[in-house]
Every structure is written in structure tokens, then in C-alpha cells.
Amino acid sequence: MHWDFAESVTDDPCDAMPKGHLTYVVNAWGKPRSIEGLGVVFAEWTTEAGLPDRCRLHGLKKGGMRRLAEAGNTTHELMAISGHQHLVRGPALHSGC
């Protein structure tokens, strides 16, 4: 194990997390990204990585939700994970649409 890494490991993983804010995806100024801003920068990252134009954040989220549904998560669990607040969208995710 590299000594820099070994020194950073603690008994509580939360000790190693930044404490400046509760947002994990921030911009260059340390501010939370907007939903639209995250989608735009994600598209830039995928383009830079040479991935096809169809590889976007929405598809990644949808694919993850589908896998969770196929693994047996309930509609309400999927809604809690995805941030959906209305049951109208939840069943559509659960059915694999």
C-alpha cells in the first residue's frame, strides 16, 4: 500500500470525506451544479472520452434504475433512489420502460 494512501485511511470513512458542503458534484467554484449544468458537462466528458452521442446522463440513470428494478427493488425504493416524488413515474421505471 502506498504510504500516502495508508496515511489517509481512517477507521471511519466519513472522516475522509470533504466537509465544506453536502453536494458531491460541484463546479469549478465549489458550488452545486444545476441539473442542466451537470447534463451539459457530462455530455462534454463523454464526447472527450470518445463515446457515442447516445451516452448521456439520463441514459445512465435510466439503466441503473432498470437494473435495480430487475434486482427486485420496489417501486417506492426506486422512487427514493431516483428522486421521483410522484407514483406516476415510479411504476414506469419499475416496469422496465
PDB file of N, CA and C in Angstrom:
ATOM      1  N   MET A   1       0.850  -1.171   0.000  1.00  0.00           N
ATOM      2  CA  MET A   1       0.000   0.000   0.000  1.00  0.00           C
ATOM      3  C   MET A   1       0.895   1.233   0.000  1.00  0.00           C
ATOM      4  N   HIS A   2       0.570   2.184  -0.861  1.00  0.00           N
ATOM      5  CA  HIS A   2       1.335   3.419  -0.930  1.00  0.00           C
ATOM      6  C   HIS A   2       1.195   4.181   0.382  1.00  0.00           C
ATOM      7  N   TRP A   3       2.282   4.745   0.880  1.00  0.00           N
ATOM      8  CA  TRP A   3       2.248   5.400   2.196  1.00  0.00           C
ATOM      9  C   TRP A   3       1.307   6.589   2.243  1.00  0.00           C
ATOM     10  N   ASP A   4       1.162   7.355   1.123  1.00  0.00           N
ATOM     11  CA  ASP A   4       0.213   8.486   1.125  1.00  0.00           C
ATOM     12  C   ASP A   4      -1.207   7.987   1.359  1.00  0.00           C
ATOM     13  N   PHE A   5      -1.533   6.873   0.701  1.00  0.00           N
ATOM     14  CA  PHE A   5      -2.867   6.312   0.874  1.00  0.00           C
ATOM     15  C   PHE A   5      -3.041   5.758   2.275  1.00  0.00           C
ATOM     16  N   ALA A   6      -2.038   5.050   2.754  1.00  0.00           N
ATOM     17  CA  ALA A   6      -2.115   4.446   4.082  1.00  0.00           C
ATOM     18  C   ALA A   6      -2.345   5.505   5.158  1.00  0.00           C
ATOM     19  N   GLU A   7      -1.720   6.664   5.005  1.00  0.00           N
ATOM     20  CA  GLU A   7      -1.898   7.735   5.993  1.00  0.00           C
ATOM     21  C   GLU A   7      -3.299   8.333   5.929  1.00  0.00           C
ATOM     22  N   SER A   8      -3.942   8.257   4.764  1.00  0.00           N
ATOM     23  CA  SER A   8      -5.258   8.872   4.616  1.00  0.00           C
ATOM     24  C   SER A   8      -6.396   7.958   5.055  1.00  0.00           C
ATOM     25  N   VAL A   9      -6.101   6.666   5.219  1.00  0.00           N
ATOM     26  CA  VAL A   9      -7.132   5.714   5.617  1.00  0.00           C
ATOM     27  C   VAL A   9      -7.426   5.875   7.103  1.00  0.00           C
ATOM     28  N   THR A  10      -8.717   5.962   7.418  1.00  0.00           N
ATOM     29  CA  THR A  10      -9.123   6.087   8.817  1.00  0.00           C
ATOM     30  C   THR A  10     -10.076   4.951   9.150  1.00  0.00           C
ATOM     31  N   ASP A  11     -10.390   4.835  10.420  1.00  0.00           N
ATOM     32  CA  ASP A  11     -11.352   3.816  10.832  1.00  0.00           C
ATOM     33  C   ASP A  11     -12.753   4.157  10.353  1.00  0.00           C
ATOM     34  N   ASP A  12     -13.046   5.434  10.205  1.00  0.00           N
ATOM     35  CA  ASP A  12     -14.371   5.894   9.773  1.00  0.00           C
ATOM     36  C   ASP A  12     -14.245   6.555   8.410  1.00  0.00           C
ATOM     37  N   PRO A  13     -14.781   5.939   7.350  1.00  0.00           N
ATOM     38  CA  PRO A  13     -14.666   6.519   6.010  1.00  0.00           C
ATOM     39  C   PRO A  13     -15.216   7.930   5.917  1.00  0.00           C
ATOM     40  N   CYS A  14     -16.176   8.269   6.759  1.00  0.00           N
ATOM     41  CA  CYS A  14     -16.748   9.612   6.721  1.00  0.00           C
ATOM     42  C   CYS A  14     -15.722  10.673   7.110  1.00  0.00           C
ATOM     43  N   ASP A  15     -14.710  10.284   7.876  1.00  0.00           N
ATOM     44  CA  ASP A  15     -13.662  11.232   8.252  1.00  0.00           C
ATOM     45  C   ASP A  15     -12.877  11.704   7.038  1.00  0.00           C
ATOM     46  N   ALA A  16     -12.801  10.875   6.012  1.00  0.00           N
ATOM     47  CA  ALA A  16     -12.035  11.225   4.817  1.00  0.00           C
ATOM     48  C   ALA A  16     -12.825  12.072   3.834  1.00  0.00           C
ATOM     49  N   MET A  17     -14.129  12.229   4.051  1.00  0.00           N
ATOM     50  CA  MET A  17     -14.974  12.982   3.120  1.00  0.00           C
ATOM     51  C   MET A  17     -14.829  14.481   3.343  1.00  0.00           C
ATOM     52  N   PRO A  18     -14.922  15.274   2.264  1.00  0.00           N
ATOM     53  CA  PRO A  18     -14.878  16.729   2.416  1.00  0.00           C
ATOM     54  C   PRO A  18     -16.044  17.201   3.272  1.00  0.00           C
ATOM     55  N   LYS A  19     -15.821  18.216   4.051  1.00  0.00           N
ATOM     56  CA  LYS A  19     -16.862  18.712   4.956  1.00  0.00           C
ATOM     57  C   LYS A  19     -17.376  20.098   4.565  1.00  0.00           C
ATOM     58  N   GLY A  20     -16.874  20.648   3.456  1.00  0.00           N
ATOM     59  CA  GLY A  20     -17.250  22.001   3.063  1.00  0.00           C
ATOM     60  C   GLY A  20     -18.694  22.147   2.634  1.00  0.00           C
ATOM     61  N   HIS A  21     -19.283  21.089   2.101  1.00  0.00           N
ATOM     62  CA  HIS A  21     -20.662  21.127   1.629  1.00  0.00           C
ATOM     63  C   HIS A  21     -21.174  19.701   1.518  1.00  0.00           C
ATOM     64  N   LEU A  22     -22.473  19.550   1.334  1.00  0.00           N
ATOM     65  CA  LEU A  22     -23.070  18.223   1.245  1.00  0.00           C
ATOM     66  C   LEU A  22     -23.323  17.782  -0.184  1.00  0.00           C
ATOM     67  N   THR A  23     -22.927  18.596  -1.149  1.00  0.00           N
ATOM     68  CA  THR A  23     -23.124  18.273  -2.552  1.00  0.00           C
ATOM     69  C   THR A  23     -21.884  17.574  -3.079  1.00  0.00           C
ATOM     70  N   TYR A  24     -22.067  16.443  -3.734  1.00  0.00           N
ATOM     71  CA  TYR A  24     -20.933  15.680  -4.235  1.00  0.00           C
ATOM     72  C   TYR A  24     -20.449  16.157  -5.598  1.00  0.00           C
ATOM     73  N   VAL A  25     -21.347  16.661  -6.427  1.00  0.00           N
ATOM     74  CA  VAL A  25     -20.968  17.081  -7.774  1.00  0.00           C
ATOM     75  C   VAL A  25     -21.019  18.605  -7.810  1.00  0.00           C
ATOM     76  N   VAL A  26     -19.843  19.208  -7.762  1.00  0.00           N
ATOM     77  CA  VAL A  26     -19.762  20.667  -7.723  1.00  0.00           C
ATOM     78  C   VAL A  26     -19.014  21.166  -8.954  1.00  0.00           C
ATOM     79  N   ASN A  27     -19.175  22.462  -9.213  1.00  0.00           N
ATOM     80  CA  ASN A  27     -18.484  23.068 -10.346  1.00  0.00           C
ATOM     81  C   ASN A  27     -17.088  23.529  -9.909  1.00  0.00           C
ATOM     82  N   ALA A  28     -16.390  24.213 -10.793  1.00  0.00           N
ATOM     83  CA  ALA A  28     -15.015  24.648 -10.520  1.00  0.00           C
ATOM     84  C   ALA A  28     -14.934  25.619  -9.348  1.00  0.00           C
ATOM     85  N   TRP A  29     -16.040  26.243  -9.000  1.00  0.00           N
ATOM     86  CA  TRP A  29     -16.060  27.218  -7.901  1.00  0.00           C
ATOM     87  C   TRP A  29     -16.589  26.607  -6.606  1.00  0.00           C
ATOM     88  N   GLY A  30     -16.792  25.281  -6.586  1.00  0.00           N
ATOM     89  CA  GLY A  30     -17.257  24.612  -5.383  1.00  0.00           C
ATOM     90  C   GLY A  30     -18.741  24.751  -5.128  1.00  0.00           C
ATOM     91  N   LYS A  31     -19.478  25.216  -6.113  1.00  0.00           N
ATOM     92  CA  LYS A  31     -20.932  25.373  -5.988  1.00  0.00           C
ATOM     93  C   LYS A  31     -21.627  24.162  -6.587  1.00  0.00           C
ATOM     94  N   PRO A  32     -22.804  23.809  -6.060  1.00  0.00           N
ATOM     95  CA  PRO A  32     -23.537  22.668  -6.630  1.00  0.00           C
ATOM     96  C   PRO A  32     -23.886  22.911  -8.093  1.00  0.00           C
ATOM     97  N   ARG A  33     -23.748  21.890  -8.904  1.00  0.00           N
ATOM     98  CA  ARG A  33     -24.148  22.009 -10.311  1.00  0.00           C
ATOM     99  C   ARG A  33     -25.665  21.951 -10.407  1.00  0.00           C
ATOM    100  N   SER A  34     -26.204  22.683 -11.364  1.00  0.00           N
ATOM    101  CA  SER A  34     -27.637  22.559 -11.642  1.00  0.00           C
ATOM    102  C   SER A  34     -27.848  21.243 -12.379  1.00  0.00           C
ATOM    103  N   ILE A  35     -29.095  20.797 -12.437  1.00  0.00           N
ATOM    104  CA  ILE A  35     -29.392  19.562 -13.165  1.00  0.00           C
ATOM    105  C   ILE A  35     -28.979  19.710 -14.623  1.00  0.00           C
ATOM    106  N   GLU A  36     -29.316  20.844 -15.212  1.00  0.00           N
ATOM    107  CA  GLU A  36     -28.970  21.074 -16.613  1.00  0.00           C
ATOM    108  C   GLU A  36     -27.458  21.173 -16.783  1.00  0.00           C
ATOM    109  N   GLY A  37     -26.797  21.862 -15.853  1.00  0.00           N
ATOM    110  CA  GLY A  37     -25.351  22.030 -15.940  1.00  0.00           C
ATOM    111  C   GLY A  37     -24.610  20.713 -15.849  1.00  0.00           C
ATOM    112  N   LEU A  38     -25.077  19.828 -14.992  1.00  0.00           N
ATOM    113  CA  LEU A  38     -24.451  18.517 -14.869  1.00  0.00           C
ATOM    114  C   LEU A  38     -24.626  17.724 -16.160  1.00  0.00           C
ATOM    115  N   GLY A  39     -25.814  17.794 -16.750  1.00  0.00           N
ATOM    116  CA  GLY A  39     -26.051  17.096 -18.013  1.00  0.00           C
ATOM    117  C   GLY A  39     -25.146  17.601 -19.126  1.00  0.00           C
ATOM    118  N   VAL A  40     -24.944  18.917 -19.174  1.00  0.00           N
ATOM    119  CA  VAL A  40     -24.097  19.507 -20.209  1.00  0.00           C
ATOM    120  C   VAL A  40     -22.646  19.066 -20.031  1.00  0.00           C
ATOM    121  N   VAL A  41     -22.138  19.157 -18.817  1.00  0.00           N
ATOM    122  CA  VAL A  41     -20.736  18.794 -18.597  1.00  0.00           C
ATOM    123  C   VAL A  41     -20.533  17.285 -18.752  1.00  0.00           C
ATOM    124  N   PHE A  42     -21.525  16.478 -18.384  1.00  0.00           N
ATOM    125  CA  PHE A  42     -21.429  15.034 -18.584  1.00  0.00           C
ATOM    126  C   PHE A  42     -21.341  14.726 -20.076  1.00  0.00           C
ATOM    127  N   ALA A  43     -22.126  15.429 -20.895  1.00  0.00           N
ATOM    128  CA  ALA A  43     -22.073  15.242 -22.347  1.00  0.00           C
ATOM    129  C   ALA A  43     -20.690  15.612 -22.879  1.00  0.00           C
ATOM    130  N   GLU A  44     -20.109  16.669 -22.338  1.00  0.00           N
ATOM    131  CA  GLU A  44     -18.758  17.059 -22.753  1.00  0.00           C
ATOM    132  C   GLU A  44     -17.747  15.968 -22.388  1.00  0.00           C
ATOM    133  N   TRP A  45     -17.883  15.418 -21.173  1.00  0.00           N
ATOM    134  CA  TRP A  45     -16.960  14.363 -20.733  1.00  0.00           C
ATOM    135  C   TRP A  45     -17.073  13.129 -21.616  1.00  0.00           C
ATOM    136  N   THR A  46     -18.300  12.733 -21.956  1.00  0.00           N
ATOM    137  CA  THR A  46     -18.464  11.528 -22.779  1.00  0.00           C
ATOM    138  C   THR A  46     -17.927  11.755 -24.182  1.00  0.00           C
ATOM    139  N   THR A  47     -18.113  12.968 -24.714  1.00  0.00           N
ATOM    140  CA  THR A  47     -17.574  13.295 -26.034  1.00  0.00           C
ATOM    141  C   THR A  47     -16.052  13.251 -26.006  1.00  0.00           C
ATOM    142  N   GLU A  48     -15.455  13.853 -24.970  1.00  0.00           N
ATOM    143  CA  GLU A  48     -13.991  13.836 -24.827  1.00  0.00           C
ATOM    144  C   GLU A  48     -13.463  12.407 -24.705  1.00  0.00           C
ATOM    145  N   ALA A  49     -14.255  11.531 -24.096  1.00  0.00           N
ATOM    146  CA  ALA A  49     -13.845  10.135 -23.922  1.00  0.00           C
ATOM    147  C   ALA A  49     -14.044   9.316 -25.192  1.00  0.00           C
ATOM    148  N   GLY A  50     -14.629   9.930 -26.226  1.00  0.00           N
ATOM    149  CA  GLY A  50     -14.838   9.233 -27.487  1.00  0.00           C
ATOM    150  C   GLY A  50     -16.061   8.335 -27.508  1.00  0.00           C
ATOM    151  N   LEU A  51     -16.980   8.533 -26.569  1.00  0.00           N
ATOM    152  CA  LEU A  51     -18.191   7.713 -26.518  1.00  0.00           C
ATOM    153  C   LEU A  51     -19.229   8.257 -27.496  1.00  0.00           C
ATOM    154  N   PRO A  52     -20.153   7.430 -27.951  1.00  0.00           N
ATOM    155  CA  PRO A  52     -21.199   7.878 -28.888  1.00  0.00           C
ATOM    156  C   PRO A  52     -22.104   8.939 -28.254  1.00  0.00           C
ATOM    157  N   ASP A  53     -22.752   9.728 -29.093  1.00  0.00           N
ATOM    158  CA  ASP A  53     -23.639  10.792 -28.620  1.00  0.00           C
ATOM    159  C   ASP A  53     -24.791  10.261 -27.773  1.00  0.00           C
ATOM    160  N   ARG A  54     -25.147   8.996 -27.950  1.00  0.00           N
ATOM    161  CA  ARG A  54     -26.263   8.449 -27.175  1.00  0.00           C
ATOM    162  C   ARG A  54     -25.903   8.213 -25.703  1.00  0.00           C
ATOM    163  N   CYS A  55     -24.631   8.285 -25.369  1.00  0.00           N
ATOM    164  CA  CYS A  55     -24.177   8.062 -23.985  1.00  0.00           C
ATOM    165  C   CYS A  55     -24.323   9.356 -23.197  1.00  0.00           C
ATOM    166  N   ARG A  56     -25.446   9.472 -22.514  1.00  0.00           N
ATOM    167  CA  ARG A  56     -25.722  10.690 -21.758  1.00  0.00           C
ATOM    168  C   ARG A  56     -26.169  10.332 -20.353  1.00  0.00           C
ATOM    169  N   LEU A  57     -26.225  11.311 -19.494  1.00  0.00           N
ATOM    170  CA  LEU A  57     -26.526  11.113 -18.087  1.00  0.00           C
ATOM    171  C   LEU A  57     -27.898  10.483 -17.876  1.00  0.00           C
ATOM    172  N   HIS A  58     -28.901  10.912 -18.637  1.00  0.00           N
ATOM    173  CA  HIS A  58     -30.239  10.366 -18.479  1.00  0.00           C
ATOM    174  C   HIS A  58     -30.246   8.854 -18.724  1.00  0.00           C
ATOM    175  N   GLY A  59     -29.538   8.428 -19.754  1.00  0.00           N
ATOM    176  CA  GLY A  59     -29.478   7.003 -20.064  1.00  0.00           C
ATOM    177  C   GLY A  59     -28.762   6.208 -18.991  1.00  0.00           C
ATOM    178  N   LEU A  60     -27.731   6.797 -18.400  1.00  0.00           N
ATOM    179  CA  LEU A  60     -27.017   6.127 -17.320  1.00  0.00           C
ATOM    180  C   LEU A  60     -27.927   5.936 -16.109  1.00  0.00           C
ATOM    181  N   LYS A  61     -28.668   6.980 -15.772  1.00  0.00           N
ATOM    182  CA  LYS A  61     -29.604   6.896 -14.640  1.00  0.00           C
ATOM    183  C   LYS A  61     -30.699   5.868 -14.939  1.00  0.00           C
ATOM    184  N   LYS A  62     -31.246   5.933 -16.139  1.00  0.00           N
ATOM    185  CA  LYS A  62     -32.319   5.020 -16.505  1.00  0.00           C
ATOM    186  C   LYS A  62     -31.840   3.570 -16.481  1.00  0.00           C
ATOM    187  N   GLY A  63     -30.631   3.334 -16.992  1.00  0.00           N
ATOM    188  CA  GLY A  63     -30.085   1.987 -16.980  1.00  0.00           C
ATOM    189  C   GLY A  63     -29.864   1.470 -15.566  1.00  0.00           C
ATOM    190  N   GLY A  64     -29.378   2.341 -14.702  1.00  0.00           N
ATOM    191  CA  GLY A  64     -29.187   1.951 -13.309  1.00  0.00           C
ATOM    192  C   GLY A  64     -30.491   1.636 -12.619  1.00  0.00           C
ATOM    193  N   MET A  65     -31.518   2.442 -12.889  1.00  0.00           N
ATOM    194  CA  MET A  65     -32.822   2.210 -12.283  1.00  0.00           C
ATOM    195  C   MET A  65     -33.423   0.897 -12.795  1.00  0.00           C
ATOM    196  N   ARG A  66     -33.227   0.628 -14.061  1.00  0.00           N
ATOM    197  CA  ARG A  66     -33.743  -0.628 -14.621  1.00  0.00           C
ATOM    198  C   ARG A  66     -33.081  -1.828 -13.952  1.00  0.00           C
ATOM    199  N   ARG A  67     -31.777  -1.751 -13.749  1.00  0.00           N
ATOM    200  CA  ARG A  67     -31.068  -2.856 -13.097  1.00  0.00           C
ATOM    201  C   ARG A  67     -31.553  -3.045 -11.666  1.00  0.00           C
ATOM    202  N   LEU A  68     -31.807  -1.943 -10.968  1.00  0.00           N
ATOM    203  CA  LEU A  68     -32.328  -2.041  -9.604  1.00  0.00           C
ATOM    204  C   LEU A  68     -33.708  -2.689  -9.598  1.00  0.00           C
ATOM    205  N   ALA A  69     -34.545  -2.319 -10.582  1.00  0.00           N
ATOM    206  CA  ALA A  69     -35.879  -2.914 -10.677  1.00  0.00           C
ATOM    207  C   ALA A  69     -35.781  -4.411 -10.966  1.00  0.00           C
ATOM    208  N   GLU A  70     -34.893  -4.772 -11.880  1.00  0.00           N
ATOM    209  CA  GLU A  70     -34.718  -6.186 -12.218  1.00  0.00           C
ATOM    210  C   GLU A  70     -34.158  -6.978 -11.036  1.00  0.00           C
ATOM    211  N   ALA A  71     -33.460  -6.285 -10.130  1.00  0.00           N
ATOM    212  CA  ALA A  71     -32.904  -6.943  -8.948  1.00  0.00           C
ATOM    213  C   ALA A  71     -33.930  -7.080  -7.832  1.00  0.00           C
ATOM    214  N   GLY A  72     -35.162  -6.567  -8.069  1.00  0.00           N
ATOM    215  CA  GLY A  72     -36.233  -6.762  -7.109  1.00  0.00           C
ATOM    216  C   GLY A  72     -36.578  -5.579  -6.225  1.00  0.00           C
ATOM    217  N   ASN A  73     -35.987  -4.414  -6.476  1.00  0.00           N
ATOM    218  CA  ASN A  73     -36.349  -3.250  -5.683  1.00  0.00           C
ATOM    219  C   ASN A  73     -37.800  -2.865  -5.944  1.00  0.00           C
ATOM    220  N   THR A  74     -38.469  -2.391  -4.912  1.00  0.00           N
ATOM    221  CA  THR A  74     -39.869  -1.991  -5.052  1.00  0.00           C
ATOM    222  C   THR A  74     -39.963  -0.630  -5.733  1.00  0.00           C
ATOM    223  N   THR A  75     -41.161  -0.311  -6.182  1.00  0.00           N
ATOM    224  CA  THR A  75     -41.393   0.989  -6.807  1.00  0.00           C
ATOM    225  C   THR A  75     -41.004   2.121  -5.873  1.00  0.00           C
ATOM    226  N   HIS A  76     -41.388   2.009  -4.603  1.00  0.00           N
ATOM    227  CA  HIS A  76     -41.071   3.079  -3.660  1.00  0.00           C
ATOM    228  C   HIS A  76     -39.574   3.166  -3.394  1.00  0.00           C
ATOM    229  N   GLU A  77     -38.871   2.062  -3.398  1.00  0.00           N
ATOM    230  CA  GLU A  77     -37.414   2.094  -3.263  1.00  0.00           C
ATOM    231  C   GLU A  77     -36.779   2.782  -4.460  1.00  0.00           C
ATOM    232  N   LEU A  78     -37.267   2.459  -5.653  1.00  0.00           N
ATOM    233  CA  LEU A  78     -36.750   3.098  -6.856  1.00  0.00           C
ATOM    234  C   LEU A  78     -36.998   4.602  -6.831  1.00  0.00           C
ATOM    235  N   MET A  79     -38.180   4.984  -6.380  1.00  0.00           N
ATOM    236  CA  MET A  79     -38.511   6.407  -6.306  1.00  0.00           C
ATOM    237  C   MET A  79     -37.597   7.122  -5.314  1.00  0.00           C
ATOM    238  N   ALA A  80     -37.289   6.479  -4.198  1.00  0.00           N
ATOM    239  CA  ALA A  80     -36.410   7.090  -3.199  1.00  0.00           C
ATOM    240  C   ALA A  80     -34.997   7.256  -3.751  1.00  0.00           C
ATOM    241  N   ILE A  81     -34.536   6.290  -4.514  1.00  0.00           N
ATOM    242  CA  ILE A  81     -33.189   6.340  -5.086  1.00  0.00           C
ATOM    243  C   ILE A  81     -33.109   7.377  -6.198  1.00  0.00           C
ATOM    244  N   SER A  82     -34.121   7.419  -7.055  1.00  0.00           N
ATOM    245  CA  SER A  82     -34.086   8.276  -8.242  1.00  0.00           C
ATOM    246  C   SER A  82     -34.519   9.711  -7.980  1.00  0.00           C
ATOM    247  N   GLY A  83     -35.214   9.924  -6.879  1.00  0.00           N
ATOM    248  CA  GLY A  83     -35.694  11.273  -6.593  1.00  0.00           C
ATOM    249  C   GLY A  83     -37.076  11.559  -7.142  1.00  0.00           C
ATOM    250  N   HIS A  84     -37.738  10.541  -7.703  1.00  0.00           N
ATOM    251  CA  HIS A  84     -39.104  10.746  -8.188  1.00  0.00           C
ATOM    252  C   HIS A  84     -40.025  10.929  -6.988  1.00  0.00           C
ATOM    253  N   GLN A  85     -40.903  11.908  -7.088  1.00  0.00           N
ATOM    254  CA  GLN A  85     -41.795  12.216  -5.977  1.00  0.00           C
ATOM    255  C   GLN A  85     -43.223  11.755  -6.207  1.00  0.00           C
ATOM    256  N   HIS A  86     -43.550  11.418  -7.441  1.00  0.00           N
ATOM    257  CA  HIS A  86     -44.926  11.050  -7.768  1.00  0.00           C
ATOM    258  C   HIS A  86     -44.964   9.617  -8.297  1.00  0.00           C
ATOM    259  N   LEU A  87     -45.931   8.878  -7.836  1.00  0.00           N
ATOM    260  CA  LEU A  87     -46.062   7.476  -8.201  1.00  0.00           C
ATOM    261  C   LEU A  87     -46.324   7.283  -9.690  1.00  0.00           C
ATOM    262  N   VAL A  88     -46.715   8.315 -10.377  1.00  0.00           N
ATOM    263  CA  VAL A  88     -46.998   8.210 -11.804  1.00  0.00           C
ATOM    264  C   VAL A  88     -45.755   7.768 -12.566  1.00  0.00           C
ATOM    265  N   ARG A  89     -44.567   8.295 -12.216  1.00  0.00           N
ATOM    266  CA  ARG A  89     -43.334   7.941 -12.912  1.00  0.00           C
ATOM    267  C   ARG A  89     -42.708   6.674 -12.341  1.00  0.00           C
ATOM    268  N   GLY A  90     -42.896   6.414 -11.088  1.00  0.00           N
ATOM    269  CA  GLY A  90     -42.268   5.275 -10.444  1.00  0.00           C
ATOM    270  C   GLY A  90     -42.598   3.936 -11.100  1.00  0.00           C
ATOM    271  N   PRO A  91     -43.876   3.629 -11.305  1.00  0.00           N
ATOM    272  CA  PRO A  91     -44.205   2.343 -11.946  1.00  0.00           C
ATOM    273  C   PRO A  91     -43.622   2.192 -13.338  1.00  0.00           C
ATOM    274  N   ALA A  92     -43.499   3.295 -14.083  1.00  0.00           N
ATOM    275  CA  ALA A  92     -42.898   3.216 -15.404  1.00  0.00           C
ATOM    276  C   ALA A  92     -41.446   2.756 -15.284  1.00  0.00           C
ATOM    277  N   LEU A  93     -40.743   3.233 -14.262  1.00  0.00           N
ATOM    278  CA  LEU A  93     -39.369   2.794 -14.040  1.00  0.00           C
ATOM    279  C   LEU A  93     -39.342   1.320 -13.646  1.00  0.00           C
ATOM    280  N   HIS A  94     -40.286   0.943 -12.819  1.00  0.00           N
ATOM    281  CA  HIS A  94     -40.301  -0.425 -12.302  1.00  0.00           C
ATOM    282  C   HIS A  94     -40.661  -1.436 -13.368  1.00  0.00           C
ATOM    283  N   SER A  95     -41.435  -1.034 -14.342  1.00  0.00           N
ATOM    284  CA  SER A  95     -41.850  -1.970 -15.397  1.00  0.00           C
ATOM    285  C   SER A  95     -40.775  -2.171 -16.450  1.00  0.00           C
ATOM    286  N   GLY A  96     -39.692  -1.409 -16.349  1.00  0.00           N
ATOM    287  CA  GLY A  96     -38.599  -1.558 -17.313  1.00  0.00           C
ATOM    288  C   GLY A  96     -38.798  -0.757 -18.561  1.00  0.00           C
ATOM    289  N   CYS A  97     -39.717   0.204 -18.541  1.00  0.00           N
ATOM    290  CA  CYS A  97     -39.963   1.044 -19.720  1.00  0.00           C
ATOM    291  C   CYS A  97     -38.765   1.922 -20.018  1.00  0.00           C
TER     292      CYS A  97
END
